[in-house]
C-alpha cells in the first residue's frame, strides 16, 4: 500500500515537472517568434522609409569644396555676430 502511494506521488510530481518544462519551452518559443516578427516589421518600415533601397553614401568632398564650405561658415558666423 505504501509503495502504491509512493508511486502515485512520484507520478504526480513528475507530471507537474514535465508540464512546467513544457510551458517554459513554449514561452521561449513565443519569444523567438516575437523577435522574428519584430525583425520583419522593422524590415518593412525600412523598406517604406527608404523606398525599397538603402540610402546612398555621401560622396567625399573635394579639397576645394571643403575650403568653400569653411569660407561660407566663417562668413555666416561673422554675419551672426553683427
PDB file of N, CA and C in Angstrom:
ATOM      1  N   UNK A   1       0.812  -1.188   0.000  1.00  0.00           N
ATOM      2  CA  UNK A   1       0.000   0.000   0.000  1.00  0.00           C
ATOM      3  C   UNK A   1       0.863   1.263   0.000  1.00  0.00           C
ATOM      4  N   UNK A   2       1.908   1.282   0.850  1.00  0.00           N
ATOM      5  CA  UNK A   2       2.810   2.424   0.903  1.00  0.00           C
ATOM      6  C   UNK A   2       3.523   2.597  -0.444  1.00  0.00           C
ATOM      7  N   UNK A   3       3.865   1.492  -1.076  1.00  0.00           N
ATOM      8  CA  UNK A   3       4.540   1.546  -2.367  1.00  0.00           C
ATOM      9  C   UNK A   3       3.617   2.167  -3.420  1.00  0.00           C
ATOM     10  N   UNK A   4       2.338   1.826  -3.357  1.00  0.00           N
ATOM     11  CA  UNK A   4       1.367   2.366  -4.301  1.00  0.00           C
ATOM     12  C   UNK A   4       1.215   3.884  -4.105  1.00  0.00           C
ATOM     13  N   UNK A   5       1.153   4.339  -2.872  1.00  0.00           N
ATOM     14  CA  UNK A   5       1.038   5.759  -2.566  1.00  0.00           C
ATOM     15  C   UNK A   5       2.301   6.486  -3.031  1.00  0.00           C
ATOM     16  N   UNK A   6       3.470   5.873  -2.765  1.00  0.00           N
ATOM     17  CA  UNK A   6       4.742   6.468  -3.189  1.00  0.00           C
ATOM     18  C   UNK A   6       4.817   6.575  -4.717  1.00  0.00           C
ATOM     19  N   UNK A   7       4.402   5.501  -5.393  1.00  0.00           N
ATOM     20  CA  UNK A   7       4.399   5.504  -6.855  1.00  0.00           C
ATOM     21  C   UNK A   7       3.451   6.572  -7.402  1.00  0.00           C
ATOM     22  N   UNK A   8       2.284   6.692  -6.795  1.00  0.00           N
ATOM     23  CA  UNK A   8       1.322   7.695  -7.214  1.00  0.00           C
ATOM     24  C   UNK A   8       1.873   9.108  -7.005  1.00  0.00           C
ATOM     25  N   UNK A   9       2.525   9.350  -5.892  1.00  0.00           N
ATOM     26  CA  UNK A   9       3.118  10.661  -5.609  1.00  0.00           C
ATOM     27  C   UNK A   9       4.222  10.976  -6.616  1.00  0.00           C
ATOM     28  N   UNK A  10       5.051  10.006  -6.926  1.00  0.00           N
ATOM     29  CA  UNK A  10       6.118  10.208  -7.918  1.00  0.00           C
ATOM     30  C   UNK A  10       5.550  10.526  -9.292  1.00  0.00           C
ATOM     31  N   UNK A  11       4.503   9.833  -9.674  1.00  0.00           N
ATOM     32  CA  UNK A  11       3.880  10.084 -10.975  1.00  0.00           C
ATOM     33  C   UNK A  11       3.295  11.491 -11.046  1.00  0.00           C
ATOM     34  N   UNK A  12       2.648  11.927  -9.984  1.00  0.00           N
ATOM     35  CA  UNK A  12       2.053  13.267  -9.968  1.00  0.00           C
ATOM     36  C   UNK A  12       3.129  14.353 -10.040  1.00  0.00           C
ATOM     37  N   UNK A  13       4.193  14.204  -9.257  1.00  0.00           N
ATOM     38  CA  UNK A  13       5.243  15.231  -9.252  1.00  0.00           C
ATOM     39  C   UNK A  13       6.005  15.236 -10.572  1.00  0.00           C
ATOM     40  N   UNK A  14       6.243  14.087 -11.144  1.00  0.00           N
ATOM     41  CA  UNK A  14       6.957  14.072 -12.421  1.00  0.00           C
ATOM     42  C   UNK A  14       6.092  14.671 -13.526  1.00  0.00           C
ATOM     43  N   UNK A  15       4.797  14.435 -13.466  1.00  0.00           N
ATOM     44  CA  UNK A  15       3.881  15.018 -14.447  1.00  0.00           C
ATOM     45  C   UNK A  15       3.862  16.532 -14.364  1.00  0.00           C
ATOM     46  N   UNK A  16       3.872  17.060 -13.132  1.00  0.00           N
ATOM     47  CA  UNK A  16       3.888  18.517 -12.963  1.00  0.00           C
ATOM     48  C   UNK A  16       5.215  19.097 -13.444  1.00  0.00           C
ATOM     49  N   UNK A  17       6.307  18.405 -13.171  1.00  0.00           N
ATOM     50  CA  UNK A  17       7.615  18.891 -13.609  1.00  0.00           C
ATOM     51  C   UNK A  17       7.685  18.931 -15.128  1.00  0.00           C
ATOM     52  N   UNK A  18       7.169  17.912 -15.779  1.00  0.00           N
ATOM     53  CA  UNK A  18       7.164  17.892 -17.242  1.00  0.00           C
ATOM     54  C   UNK A  18       6.285  19.007 -17.806  1.00  0.00           C
ATOM     55  N   UNK A  19       5.159  19.259 -17.170  1.00  0.00           N
ATOM     56  CA  UNK A  19       4.258  20.321 -17.633  1.00  0.00           C
ATOM     57  C   UNK A  19       4.931  21.688 -17.497  1.00  0.00           C
ATOM     58  N   UNK A  20       5.662  21.914 -16.399  1.00  0.00           N
ATOM     59  CA  UNK A  20       6.356  23.185 -16.212  1.00  0.00           C
ATOM     60  C   UNK A  20       7.443  23.355 -17.257  1.00  0.00           C
ATOM     61  N   UNK A  21       8.181  22.286 -17.535  1.00  0.00           N
ATOM     62  CA  UNK A  21       9.239  22.352 -18.541  1.00  0.00           C
ATOM     63  C   UNK A  21       8.648  22.670 -19.907  1.00  0.00           C
ATOM     64  N   UNK A  22       7.506  22.089 -20.204  1.00  0.00           N
ATOM     65  CA  UNK A  22       6.856  22.347 -21.492  1.00  0.00           C
ATOM     66  C   UNK A  22       6.411  23.809 -21.589  1.00  0.00           C
ATOM     67  N   UNK A  23       5.853  24.363 -20.499  1.00  0.00           N
ATOM     68  CA  UNK A  23       5.424  25.761 -20.506  1.00  0.00           C
ATOM     69  C   UNK A  23       6.622  26.684 -20.699  1.00  0.00           C
ATOM     70  N   UNK A  24       7.736  26.355 -20.059  1.00  0.00           N
ATOM     71  CA  UNK A  24       8.953  27.164 -20.213  1.00  0.00           C
ATOM     72  C   UNK A  24       9.400  27.141 -21.673  1.00  0.00           C
ATOM     73  N   UNK A  25       9.385  25.981 -22.278  1.00  0.00           N
ATOM     74  CA  UNK A  25       9.772  25.847 -23.687  1.00  0.00           C
ATOM     75  C   UNK A  25       8.830  26.654 -24.572  1.00  0.00           C
ATOM     76  N   UNK A  26       7.522  26.602 -24.279  1.00  0.00           N
ATOM     77  CA  UNK A  26       6.544  27.364 -25.066  1.00  0.00           C
ATOM     78  C   UNK A  26       6.794  28.861 -24.956  1.00  0.00           C
ATOM     79  N   UNK A  27       7.145  29.341 -23.733  1.00  0.00           N
ATOM     80  CA  UNK A  27       7.425  30.761 -23.552  1.00  0.00           C
ATOM     81  C   UNK A  27       8.645  31.173 -24.356  1.00  0.00           C
ATOM     82  N   UNK A  28       9.702  30.331 -24.346  1.00  0.00           N
ATOM     83  CA  UNK A  28      10.893  30.652 -25.123  1.00  0.00           C
ATOM     84  C   UNK A  28      10.570  30.671 -26.607  1.00  0.00           C
ATOM     85  N   UNK A  29       9.763  29.736 -27.048  1.00  0.00           N
ATOM     86  CA  UNK A  29       9.383  29.683 -28.456  1.00  0.00           C
ATOM     87  C   UNK A  29       8.617  30.938 -28.845  1.00  0.00           C
ATOM     88  N   UNK A  30       7.725  31.397 -27.989  1.00  0.00           N
ATOM     89  CA  UNK A  30       6.977  32.614 -28.280  1.00  0.00           C
ATOM     90  C   UNK A  30       7.917  33.814 -28.364  1.00  0.00           C
ATOM     91  N   UNK A  31       8.909  33.851 -27.506  1.00  0.00           N
ATOM     92  CA  UNK A  31       9.850  34.955 -27.552  1.00  0.00           C
ATOM     93  C   UNK A  31      10.586  34.959 -28.886  1.00  0.00           C
ATOM     94  N   UNK A  32      10.985  33.788 -29.359  1.00  0.00           N
ATOM     95  CA  UNK A  32      11.671  33.714 -30.656  1.00  0.00           C
ATOM     96  C   UNK A  32      10.740  34.155 -31.775  1.00  0.00           C
ATOM     97  N   UNK A  33       9.504  33.746 -31.708  1.00  0.00           N
ATOM     98  CA  UNK A  33       8.540  34.152 -32.732  1.00  0.00           C
ATOM     99  C   UNK A  33       8.314  35.662 -32.687  1.00  0.00           C
ATOM    100  N   UNK A  34       8.238  36.229 -31.476  1.00  0.00           N
ATOM    101  CA  UNK A  34       8.065  37.676 -31.341  1.00  0.00           C
ATOM    102  C   UNK A  34       9.253  38.422 -31.934  1.00  0.00           C
ATOM    103  N   UNK A  35      10.464  37.928 -31.661  1.00  0.00           N
ATOM    104  CA  UNK A  35      11.657  38.582 -32.210  1.00  0.00           C
ATOM    105  C   UNK A  35      11.667  38.524 -33.732  1.00  0.00           C
ATOM    106  N   UNK A  36      11.286  37.368 -34.282  1.00  0.00           N
ATOM    107  CA  UNK A  36      11.242  37.236 -35.734  1.00  0.00           C
ATOM    108  C   UNK A  36      10.210  38.190 -36.330  1.00  0.00           C
ATOM    109  N   UNK A  37       9.059  38.290 -35.688  1.00  0.00           N
ATOM    110  CA  UNK A  37       8.011  39.191 -36.170  1.00  0.00           C
ATOM    111  C   UNK A  37       8.488  40.639 -36.115  1.00  0.00           C
ATOM    112  N   UNK A  38       9.203  40.987 -35.046  1.00  0.00           N
ATOM    113  CA  UNK A  38       9.709  42.351 -34.908  1.00  0.00           C
ATOM    114  C   UNK A  38      10.736  42.657 -36.000  1.00  0.00           C
ATOM    115  N   UNK A  39      11.615  41.696 -36.295  1.00  0.00           N
ATOM    116  CA  UNK A  39      12.591  41.898 -37.381  1.00  0.00           C
ATOM    117  C   UNK A  39      11.885  42.160 -38.710  1.00  0.00           C
ATOM    118  N   UNK A  40      10.863  41.361 -38.984  1.00  0.00           N
ATOM    119  CA  UNK A  40      10.129  41.535 -40.237  1.00  0.00           C
ATOM    120  C   UNK A  40       9.427  42.887 -40.289  1.00  0.00           C
ATOM    121  N   UNK A  41       8.869  43.310 -39.153  1.00  0.00           N
ATOM    122  CA  UNK A  41       8.219  44.622 -39.104  1.00  0.00           C
ATOM    123  C   UNK A  41       9.222  45.737 -39.378  1.00  0.00           C
ATOM    124  N   UNK A  42      10.417  45.638 -38.790  1.00  0.00           N
ATOM    125  CA  UNK A  42      11.428  46.668 -38.992  1.00  0.00           C
ATOM    126  C   UNK A  42      11.909  46.690 -40.448  1.00  0.00           C
ATOM    127  N   UNK A  43      12.037  45.526 -41.053  1.00  0.00           N
ATOM    128  CA  UNK A  43      12.416  45.484 -42.473  1.00  0.00           C
ATOM    129  C   UNK A  43      11.370  46.193 -43.323  1.00  0.00           C
ATOM    130  N   UNK A  44      10.105  45.959 -42.992  1.00  0.00           N
ATOM    131  CA  UNK A  44       9.020  46.601 -43.744  1.00  0.00           C
ATOM    132  C   UNK A  44       9.056  48.112 -43.558  1.00  0.00           C
ATOM    133  N   UNK A  45       9.275  48.569 -42.328  1.00  0.00           N
ATOM    134  CA  UNK A  45       9.351  50.010 -42.064  1.00  0.00           C
ATOM    135  C   UNK A  45      10.504  50.619 -42.844  1.00  0.00           C
ATOM    136  N   UNK A  46      11.660  49.964 -42.814  1.00  0.00           N
ATOM    137  CA  UNK A  46      12.816  50.496 -43.536  1.00  0.00           C
ATOM    138  C   UNK A  46      12.579  50.507 -45.040  1.00  0.00           C
ATOM    139  N   UNK A  47      11.897  49.481 -45.551  1.00  0.00           N
ATOM    140  CA  UNK A  47      11.581  49.451 -46.981  1.00  0.00           C
ATOM    141  C   UNK A  47      10.700  50.631 -47.346  1.00  0.00           C
ATOM    142  N   UNK A  48       9.696  50.904 -46.501  1.00  0.00           N
ATOM    143  CA  UNK A  48       8.794  52.028 -46.755  1.00  0.00           C
ATOM    144  C   UNK A  48       9.539  53.356 -46.627  1.00  0.00           C
ATOM    145  N   UNK A  49      10.384  53.452 -45.634  1.00  0.00           N
ATOM    146  CA  UNK A  49      11.082  54.700 -45.349  1.00  0.00           C
ATOM    147  C   UNK A  49      12.088  55.052 -46.443  1.00  0.00           C
ATOM    148  N   UNK A  50      12.803  54.054 -46.934  1.00  0.00           N
ATOM    149  CA  UNK A  50      13.864  54.314 -47.912  1.00  0.00           C
ATOM    150  C   UNK A  50      13.473  53.944 -49.333  1.00  0.00           C
ATOM    151  N   UNK A  51      12.221  53.675 -49.545  1.00  0.00           N
ATOM    152  CA  UNK A  51      11.750  53.415 -50.901  1.00  0.00           C
ATOM    153  C   UNK A  51      12.286  52.128 -51.496  1.00  0.00           C
ATOM    154  N   UNK A  52      12.497  51.120 -50.679  1.00  0.00           N
ATOM    155  CA  UNK A  52      12.927  49.827 -51.185  1.00  0.00           C
ATOM    156  C   UNK A  52      14.415  49.704 -51.412  1.00  0.00           C
ATOM    157  N   UNK A  53      15.162  50.757 -51.170  1.00  0.00           N
ATOM    158  CA  UNK A  53      16.607  50.648 -51.339  1.00  0.00           C
ATOM    159  C   UNK A  53      17.303  51.309 -50.164  1.00  0.00           C
ATOM    160  N   UNK A  54      18.537  50.979 -50.020  1.00  0.00           N
ATOM    161  CA  UNK A  54      19.308  51.584 -48.942  1.00  0.00           C
ATOM    162  C   UNK A  54      19.733  52.988 -49.352  1.00  0.00           C
ATOM    163  N   UNK A  55      19.867  53.864 -48.382  1.00  0.00           N
ATOM    164  CA  UNK A  55      20.306  55.217 -48.744  1.00  0.00           C
ATOM    165  C   UNK A  55      21.734  55.185 -49.298  1.00  0.00           C
ATOM    166  N   UNK A  56      21.975  56.052 -50.274  1.00  0.00           N
ATOM    167  CA  UNK A  56      23.302  56.095 -50.874  1.00  0.00           C
ATOM    168  C   UNK A  56      24.267  56.795 -49.928  1.00  0.00           C
ATOM    169  N   UNK A  57      25.500  56.354 -49.963  1.00  0.00           N
ATOM    170  CA  UNK A  57      26.511  57.004 -49.145  1.00  0.00           C
ATOM    171  C   UNK A  57      26.863  58.343 -49.764  1.00  0.00           C
ATOM    172  N   UNK A  58      27.142  59.289 -48.912  1.00  0.00           N
ATOM    173  CA  UNK A  58      27.527  60.592 -49.413  1.00  0.00           C
ATOM    174  C   UNK A  58      28.924  60.486 -50.012  1.00  0.00           C
ATOM    175  N   UNK A  59      29.122  61.190 -51.107  1.00  0.00           N
ATOM    176  CA  UNK A  59      30.443  61.161 -51.708  1.00  0.00           C
ATOM    177  C   UNK A  59      31.366  62.074 -50.922  1.00  0.00           C
ATOM    178  N   UNK A  60      32.630  61.780 -50.978  1.00  0.00           N
ATOM    179  CA  UNK A  60      33.591  62.586 -50.241  1.00  0.00           C
ATOM    180  C   UNK A  60      33.811  63.914 -50.961  1.00  0.00           C
ATOM    181  N   UNK A  61      33.925  64.965 -50.163  1.00  0.00           N
ATOM    182  CA  UNK A  61      34.088  66.301 -50.746  1.00  0.00           C
ATOM    183  C   UNK A  61      35.526  66.482 -51.241  1.00  0.00           C
ATOM    184  N   UNK A  62      35.655  67.266 -52.298  1.00  0.00           N
ATOM    185  CA  UNK A  62      36.997  67.606 -52.790  1.00  0.00           C
ATOM    186  C   UNK A  62      37.589  68.674 -51.870  1.00  0.00           C
ATOM    187  N   UNK A  63      38.892  68.838 -51.884  1.00  0.00           N
ATOM    188  CA  UNK A  63      39.504  69.893 -51.053  1.00  0.00           C
ATOM    189  C   UNK A  63      38.943  71.278 -51.361  1.00  0.00           C
ATOM    190  N   UNK A  64      38.630  71.560 -52.618  1.00  0.00           N
ATOM    191  CA  UNK A  64      38.066  72.855 -52.984  1.00  0.00           C
ATOM    192  C   UNK A  64      36.681  73.041 -52.369  1.00  0.00           C
ATOM    193  N   UNK A  65      35.880  71.982 -52.404  1.00  0.00           N
ATOM    194  CA  UNK A  65      34.542  72.059 -51.826  1.00  0.00           C
ATOM    195  C   UNK A  65      34.613  72.261 -50.308  1.00  0.00           C
ATOM    196  N   UNK A  66      35.541  71.576 -49.666  1.00  0.00           N
ATOM    197  CA  UNK A  66      35.702  71.750 -48.214  1.00  0.00           C
ATOM    198  C   UNK A  66      36.114  73.170 -47.871  1.00  0.00           C
ATOM    199  N   UNK A  67      37.050  73.731 -48.643  1.00  0.00           N
ATOM    200  CA  UNK A  67      37.501  75.096 -48.392  1.00  0.00           C
ATOM    201  C   UNK A  67      36.365  76.091 -48.605  1.00  0.00           C
ATOM    202  N   UNK A  68      35.559  75.874 -49.646  1.00  0.00           N
ATOM    203  CA  UNK A  68      34.412  76.743 -49.906  1.00  0.00           C
ATOM    204  C   UNK A  68      33.411  76.668 -48.747  1.00  0.00           C
ATOM    205  N   UNK A  69      33.191  75.471 -48.240  1.00  0.00           N
ATOM    206  CA  UNK A  69      32.283  75.300 -47.113  1.00  0.00           C
ATOM    207  C   UNK A  69      32.823  76.027 -45.870  1.00  0.00           C
ATOM    208  N   UNK A  70      34.110  75.908 -45.615  1.00  0.00           N
ATOM    209  CA  UNK A  70      34.724  76.623 -44.482  1.00  0.00           C
ATOM    210  C   UNK A  70      34.529  78.131 -44.608  1.00  0.00           C
ATOM    211  N   UNK A  71      34.756  78.637 -45.815  1.00  0.00           N
ATOM    212  CA  UNK A  71      34.590  80.076 -46.032  1.00  0.00           C
ATOM    213  C   UNK A  71      33.142  80.502 -45.806  1.00  0.00           C
ATOM    214  N   UNK A  72      32.216  79.706 -46.304  1.00  0.00           N
ATOM    215  CA  UNK A  72      30.801  80.021 -46.115  1.00  0.00           C
ATOM    216  C   UNK A  72      30.431  80.026 -44.635  1.00  0.00           C
ATOM    217  N   UNK A  73      30.977  79.075 -43.890  1.00  0.00           N
ATOM    218  CA  UNK A  73      30.686  79.010 -42.457  1.00  0.00           C
ATOM    219  C   UNK A  73      31.273  80.212 -41.731  1.00  0.00           C
ATOM    220  N   UNK A  74      32.514  80.565 -42.071  1.00  0.00           N
ATOM    221  CA  UNK A  74      33.137  81.744 -41.451  1.00  0.00           C
ATOM    222  C   UNK A  74      32.311  83.002 -41.726  1.00  0.00           C
ATOM    223  N   UNK A  75      31.888  83.142 -42.972  1.00  0.00           N
ATOM    224  CA  UNK A  75      31.087  84.302 -43.356  1.00  0.00           C
ATOM    225  C   UNK A  75      29.753  84.334 -42.615  1.00  0.00           C
ATOM    226  N   UNK A  76      29.124  83.174 -42.493  1.00  0.00           N
ATOM    227  CA  UNK A  76      27.846  83.105 -41.778  1.00  0.00           C
ATOM    228  C   UNK A  76      28.046  83.442 -40.304  1.00  0.00           C
ATOM    229  N   UNK A  77      29.136  82.988 -39.709  1.00  0.00           N
ATOM    230  CA  UNK A  77      29.414  83.310 -38.302  1.00  0.00           C
ATOM    231  C   UNK A  77      29.653  84.807 -38.113  1.00  0.00           C
ATOM    232  N   UNK A  78      30.353  85.449 -39.047  1.00  0.00           N
ATOM    233  CA  UNK A  78      30.582  86.889 -38.948  1.00  0.00           C
ATOM    234  C   UNK A  78      29.252  87.633 -39.012  1.00  0.00           C
ATOM    235  N   UNK A  79      28.370  87.191 -39.914  1.00  0.00           N
ATOM    236  CA  UNK A  79      27.074  87.847 -40.061  1.00  0.00           C
ATOM    237  C   UNK A  79      26.197  87.653 -38.834  1.00  0.00           C
ATOM    238  N   UNK A  80      26.349  86.533 -38.143  1.00  0.00           N
ATOM    239  CA  UNK A  80      25.557  86.276 -36.927  1.00  0.00           C
ATOM    240  C   UNK A  80      25.987  87.210 -35.803  1.00  0.00           C
ATOM    241  N   UNK A  81      27.276  87.502 -35.725  1.00  0.00           N
ATOM    242  CA  UNK A  81      27.804  88.336 -34.627  1.00  0.00           C
ATOM    243  C   UNK A  81      27.336  89.771 -34.748  1.00  0.00           C
ATOM    244  N   UNK A  82      27.020  90.193 -35.954  1.00  0.00           N
ATOM    245  CA  UNK A  82      26.608  91.588 -36.170  1.00  0.00           C
ATOM    246  C   UNK A  82      25.229  91.854 -35.719  1.00  0.00           C
TER     247      UNK A  82
END
